[in-house]
């Protein structure tokens, strides 16, 4: 069984703990994917407005979230948040 299949089964299963953990994992994956693709778009010359249209948010919101991200390291802010949670024990269930 692949990790993706296990994640999908947990997310839709009857166990709330497993379902919530799966929902969190999917949310974090989506955040990393979004950061990666925002950087990809910026590297190709897209404007903040162009990116915002595809994300369904305002230009100001996408700029605020990603403008400070260092080039080539789009998921760094997500990684820092995750590392901070692990250090503080926020991952404990």
N, C-alpha and C. Protein backbone atom coordinates (compact mmCIF):
# COMPACT_ATOMS: atom_id res chain seq x y z
N UNK A 1 0.85 -1.18 0.00
CA UNK A 1 0.00 0.00 0.00
C UNK A 1 0.89 1.24 0.00
N UNK A 2 0.62 2.17 -0.87
CA UNK A 2 1.42 3.39 -0.94
C UNK A 2 1.01 4.36 0.15
N UNK A 3 1.89 5.30 0.41
CA UNK A 3 1.62 6.32 1.41
C UNK A 3 0.39 7.14 1.05
N UNK A 4 0.22 7.45 -0.24
CA UNK A 4 -0.92 8.24 -0.68
C UNK A 4 -2.23 7.51 -0.44
N UNK A 5 -2.25 6.21 -0.71
CA UNK A 5 -3.46 5.41 -0.49
C UNK A 5 -3.78 5.37 0.99
N UNK A 6 -2.78 5.15 1.81
CA UNK A 6 -2.98 5.10 3.26
C UNK A 6 -3.51 6.43 3.77
N UNK A 7 -2.97 7.53 3.26
CA UNK A 7 -3.42 8.86 3.66
C UNK A 7 -4.87 9.09 3.26
N UNK A 8 -5.23 8.71 2.05
CA UNK A 8 -6.61 8.87 1.59
C UNK A 8 -7.57 8.01 2.41
N UNK A 9 -7.17 6.79 2.72
CA UNK A 9 -8.03 5.92 3.54
C UNK A 9 -8.20 6.48 4.94
N UNK A 10 -7.14 6.99 5.53
CA UNK A 10 -7.22 7.57 6.87
C UNK A 10 -8.10 8.82 6.88
N UNK A 11 -7.96 9.64 5.83
CA UNK A 11 -8.73 10.88 5.76
C UNK A 11 -10.22 10.63 5.66
N UNK A 12 -10.60 9.52 5.04
CA UNK A 12 -12.03 9.24 4.85
C UNK A 12 -12.55 8.16 5.78
N UNK A 13 -11.70 7.66 6.66
CA UNK A 13 -12.11 6.58 7.55
C UNK A 13 -12.89 7.04 8.76
N UNK A 14 -13.34 6.10 9.58
CA UNK A 14 -14.18 6.42 10.73
C UNK A 14 -13.42 6.89 11.97
N UNK A 15 -12.10 6.71 12.02
CA UNK A 15 -11.30 7.09 13.19
C UNK A 15 -10.99 8.58 13.14
N UNK A 16 -11.54 9.38 14.06
CA UNK A 16 -11.30 10.83 14.03
C UNK A 16 -9.84 11.20 14.18
N UNK A 17 -9.09 10.50 15.01
CA UNK A 17 -7.67 10.83 15.20
C UNK A 17 -6.91 10.62 13.90
N UNK A 18 -7.11 9.50 13.27
CA UNK A 18 -6.42 9.22 12.00
C UNK A 18 -6.89 10.20 10.91
N UNK A 19 -8.18 10.49 10.89
CA UNK A 19 -8.71 11.42 9.89
C UNK A 19 -8.17 12.82 10.06
N UNK A 20 -8.07 13.28 11.30
CA UNK A 20 -7.54 14.62 11.54
C UNK A 20 -6.05 14.69 11.24
N UNK A 21 -5.31 13.65 11.57
CA UNK A 21 -3.89 13.62 11.23
C UNK A 21 -3.70 13.63 9.72
N UNK A 22 -4.54 12.90 9.01
CA UNK A 22 -4.46 12.87 7.55
C UNK A 22 -4.82 14.24 6.97
N UNK A 23 -5.84 14.88 7.53
CA UNK A 23 -6.24 16.21 7.06
C UNK A 23 -5.09 17.20 7.26
N UNK A 24 -4.41 17.10 8.40
CA UNK A 24 -3.28 17.99 8.66
C UNK A 24 -2.16 17.72 7.65
N UNK A 25 -1.84 16.45 7.41
CA UNK A 25 -0.77 16.11 6.46
C UNK A 25 -1.10 16.63 5.07
N UNK A 26 -2.36 16.51 4.67
CA UNK A 26 -2.78 17.00 3.36
C UNK A 26 -2.68 18.52 3.29
N UNK A 27 -3.06 19.21 4.37
CA UNK A 27 -2.98 20.67 4.40
C UNK A 27 -1.52 21.12 4.28
N UNK A 28 -0.62 20.46 5.02
CA UNK A 28 0.79 20.83 4.97
C UNK A 28 1.39 20.55 3.59
N UNK A 29 0.97 19.45 2.98
CA UNK A 29 1.42 19.14 1.63
C UNK A 29 0.93 20.20 0.64
N UNK A 30 -0.32 20.60 0.78
CA UNK A 30 -0.89 21.63 -0.10
C UNK A 30 -0.14 22.95 0.07
N UNK A 31 0.22 23.30 1.30
CA UNK A 31 0.97 24.54 1.54
C UNK A 31 2.33 24.50 0.86
N UNK A 32 3.01 23.37 0.96
CA UNK A 32 4.33 23.23 0.32
C UNK A 32 4.20 23.31 -1.20
N UNK A 33 3.19 22.64 -1.74
CA UNK A 33 2.96 22.65 -3.18
C UNK A 33 2.65 24.07 -3.65
N UNK A 34 1.80 24.78 -2.92
CA UNK A 34 1.46 26.14 -3.30
C UNK A 34 2.70 27.03 -3.29
N UNK A 35 3.53 26.94 -2.26
CA UNK A 35 4.74 27.75 -2.17
C UNK A 35 5.68 27.44 -3.33
N UNK A 36 5.82 26.18 -3.65
CA UNK A 36 6.67 25.77 -4.75
C UNK A 36 6.19 26.35 -6.07
N UNK A 37 4.89 26.29 -6.31
CA UNK A 37 4.34 26.77 -7.57
C UNK A 37 4.31 28.30 -7.65
N UNK A 38 4.15 28.97 -6.51
CA UNK A 38 4.25 30.44 -6.52
C UNK A 38 5.66 30.83 -6.93
N UNK A 39 6.67 30.17 -6.34
CA UNK A 39 8.05 30.47 -6.72
C UNK A 39 8.29 30.15 -8.19
N UNK A 40 7.73 29.04 -8.65
CA UNK A 40 7.85 28.65 -10.06
C UNK A 40 7.26 29.74 -10.96
N UNK A 41 6.10 30.24 -10.61
CA UNK A 41 5.46 31.29 -11.40
C UNK A 41 6.29 32.58 -11.38
N UNK A 42 6.78 32.95 -10.20
CA UNK A 42 7.60 34.17 -10.10
C UNK A 42 8.87 34.04 -10.92
N UNK A 43 9.49 32.85 -10.89
CA UNK A 43 10.71 32.62 -11.68
C UNK A 43 10.45 32.77 -13.17
N UNK A 44 9.21 32.56 -13.58
CA UNK A 44 8.84 32.67 -15.00
C UNK A 44 8.24 34.03 -15.35
N UNK A 45 8.32 34.97 -14.41
CA UNK A 45 7.91 36.33 -14.69
C UNK A 45 6.45 36.67 -14.41
N UNK A 46 5.73 35.77 -13.76
CA UNK A 46 4.34 36.06 -13.45
C UNK A 46 4.26 37.17 -12.41
N UNK A 47 3.23 37.99 -12.54
CA UNK A 47 2.98 39.05 -11.56
C UNK A 47 2.24 38.46 -10.36
N UNK A 48 2.26 39.21 -9.26
CA UNK A 48 1.50 38.78 -8.08
C UNK A 48 0.00 38.69 -8.42
N UNK A 49 -0.47 39.60 -9.28
CA UNK A 49 -1.88 39.57 -9.68
C UNK A 49 -2.21 38.30 -10.45
N UNK A 50 -1.33 37.89 -11.37
CA UNK A 50 -1.55 36.66 -12.13
C UNK A 50 -1.65 35.45 -11.19
N UNK A 51 -0.74 35.38 -10.24
CA UNK A 51 -0.73 34.26 -9.29
C UNK A 51 -2.00 34.29 -8.44
N UNK A 52 -2.36 35.48 -7.98
CA UNK A 52 -3.54 35.62 -7.12
C UNK A 52 -4.81 35.14 -7.81
N UNK A 53 -4.92 35.41 -9.09
CA UNK A 53 -6.11 34.98 -9.85
C UNK A 53 -6.24 33.47 -9.80
N UNK A 54 -5.13 32.76 -10.02
CA UNK A 54 -5.17 31.30 -10.02
C UNK A 54 -5.41 30.72 -8.63
N UNK A 55 -4.95 31.42 -7.59
CA UNK A 55 -5.15 30.94 -6.22
C UNK A 55 -6.50 31.35 -5.65
N UNK A 56 -7.17 32.28 -6.32
CA UNK A 56 -8.48 32.72 -5.84
C UNK A 56 -8.39 33.60 -4.60
N UNK A 57 -7.29 34.34 -4.48
CA UNK A 57 -7.11 35.26 -3.36
C UNK A 57 -6.68 36.60 -3.90
N UNK A 58 -6.56 37.60 -3.03
CA UNK A 58 -6.16 38.93 -3.49
C UNK A 58 -4.67 38.98 -3.77
N UNK A 59 -4.31 39.94 -4.60
CA UNK A 59 -2.90 40.17 -4.92
C UNK A 59 -2.13 40.50 -3.64
N UNK A 60 -2.75 41.28 -2.76
CA UNK A 60 -2.11 41.67 -1.51
C UNK A 60 -1.86 40.45 -0.62
N UNK A 61 -2.81 39.52 -0.59
CA UNK A 61 -2.66 38.34 0.26
C UNK A 61 -1.53 37.44 -0.22
N UNK A 62 -1.45 37.22 -1.52
CA UNK A 62 -0.38 36.36 -2.04
C UNK A 62 0.98 37.03 -1.88
N UNK A 63 1.03 38.33 -2.09
CA UNK A 63 2.29 39.06 -1.92
C UNK A 63 2.74 39.02 -0.47
N UNK A 64 1.83 39.26 0.45
CA UNK A 64 2.16 39.25 1.88
C UNK A 64 2.70 37.88 2.31
N UNK A 65 2.08 36.82 1.80
CA UNK A 65 2.45 35.47 2.20
C UNK A 65 3.78 35.03 1.61
N UNK A 66 4.08 35.43 0.37
CA UNK A 66 5.24 34.88 -0.33
C UNK A 66 6.33 35.86 -0.72
N UNK A 67 6.12 37.15 -0.62
CA UNK A 67 7.11 38.11 -1.10
C UNK A 67 8.43 38.01 -0.35
N UNK A 68 8.41 37.64 0.90
CA UNK A 68 9.64 37.56 1.68
C UNK A 68 10.35 36.23 1.59
N UNK A 69 9.78 35.26 0.88
CA UNK A 69 10.40 33.94 0.77
C UNK A 69 11.66 34.04 -0.07
N UNK A 70 12.78 33.51 0.44
CA UNK A 70 14.02 33.55 -0.34
C UNK A 70 13.90 32.76 -1.63
N UNK A 71 14.50 33.24 -2.69
CA UNK A 71 14.46 32.55 -3.98
C UNK A 71 15.11 31.18 -3.85
N UNK A 72 14.48 30.20 -4.46
CA UNK A 72 15.00 28.84 -4.44
C UNK A 72 14.66 28.05 -3.20
N UNK A 73 14.00 28.67 -2.23
CA UNK A 73 13.64 27.96 -1.00
C UNK A 73 12.18 28.26 -0.68
N UNK A 74 11.24 27.91 -1.58
CA UNK A 74 9.85 28.34 -1.42
C UNK A 74 9.15 27.78 -0.19
N UNK A 75 9.56 26.63 0.31
CA UNK A 75 8.86 26.02 1.45
C UNK A 75 9.53 26.34 2.77
N UNK A 76 10.49 27.25 2.79
CA UNK A 76 11.24 27.51 4.00
C UNK A 76 10.36 27.96 5.15
N UNK A 77 9.42 28.86 4.91
CA UNK A 77 8.58 29.33 6.01
C UNK A 77 7.72 28.19 6.56
N UNK A 78 7.25 27.31 5.70
CA UNK A 78 6.48 26.16 6.16
C UNK A 78 7.38 25.26 6.98
N UNK A 79 8.61 25.02 6.51
CA UNK A 79 9.55 24.19 7.24
C UNK A 79 9.87 24.75 8.61
N UNK A 80 10.04 26.05 8.69
CA UNK A 80 10.31 26.67 9.99
C UNK A 80 9.14 26.49 10.94
N UNK A 81 7.91 26.66 10.43
CA UNK A 81 6.74 26.47 11.29
C UNK A 81 6.67 25.04 11.79
N UNK A 82 6.93 24.08 10.89
CA UNK A 82 6.88 22.68 11.29
C UNK A 82 7.97 22.37 12.30
N UNK A 83 9.17 22.89 12.09
CA UNK A 83 10.27 22.66 13.02
C UNK A 83 9.94 23.26 14.38
N UNK A 84 9.34 24.43 14.37
CA UNK A 84 8.95 25.07 15.63
C UNK A 84 7.93 24.26 16.39
N UNK A 85 6.98 23.68 15.70
CA UNK A 85 5.97 22.83 16.34
C UNK A 85 6.61 21.61 16.96
N UNK A 86 7.53 21.01 16.24
CA UNK A 86 8.17 19.79 16.74
C UNK A 86 8.99 20.08 17.98
N UNK A 87 9.66 21.22 18.01
CA UNK A 87 10.50 21.58 19.15
C UNK A 87 9.65 21.86 20.38
N UNK A 88 8.46 22.42 20.18
CA UNK A 88 7.61 22.77 21.31
C UNK A 88 6.71 21.64 21.71
N UNK A 89 6.72 20.53 20.96
CA UNK A 89 5.88 19.40 21.29
C UNK A 89 4.47 19.53 20.80
N UNK A 90 4.21 20.47 19.90
CA UNK A 90 2.86 20.70 19.39
C UNK A 90 2.36 19.53 18.55
N UNK A 91 3.27 18.64 18.14
CA UNK A 91 2.87 17.49 17.33
C UNK A 91 2.34 16.34 18.19
N UNK A 92 2.53 16.44 19.49
CA UNK A 92 2.09 15.35 20.37
C UNK A 92 0.58 15.20 20.32
N UNK A 93 0.11 13.97 20.22
CA UNK A 93 -1.34 13.71 20.16
C UNK A 93 -1.74 12.95 21.39
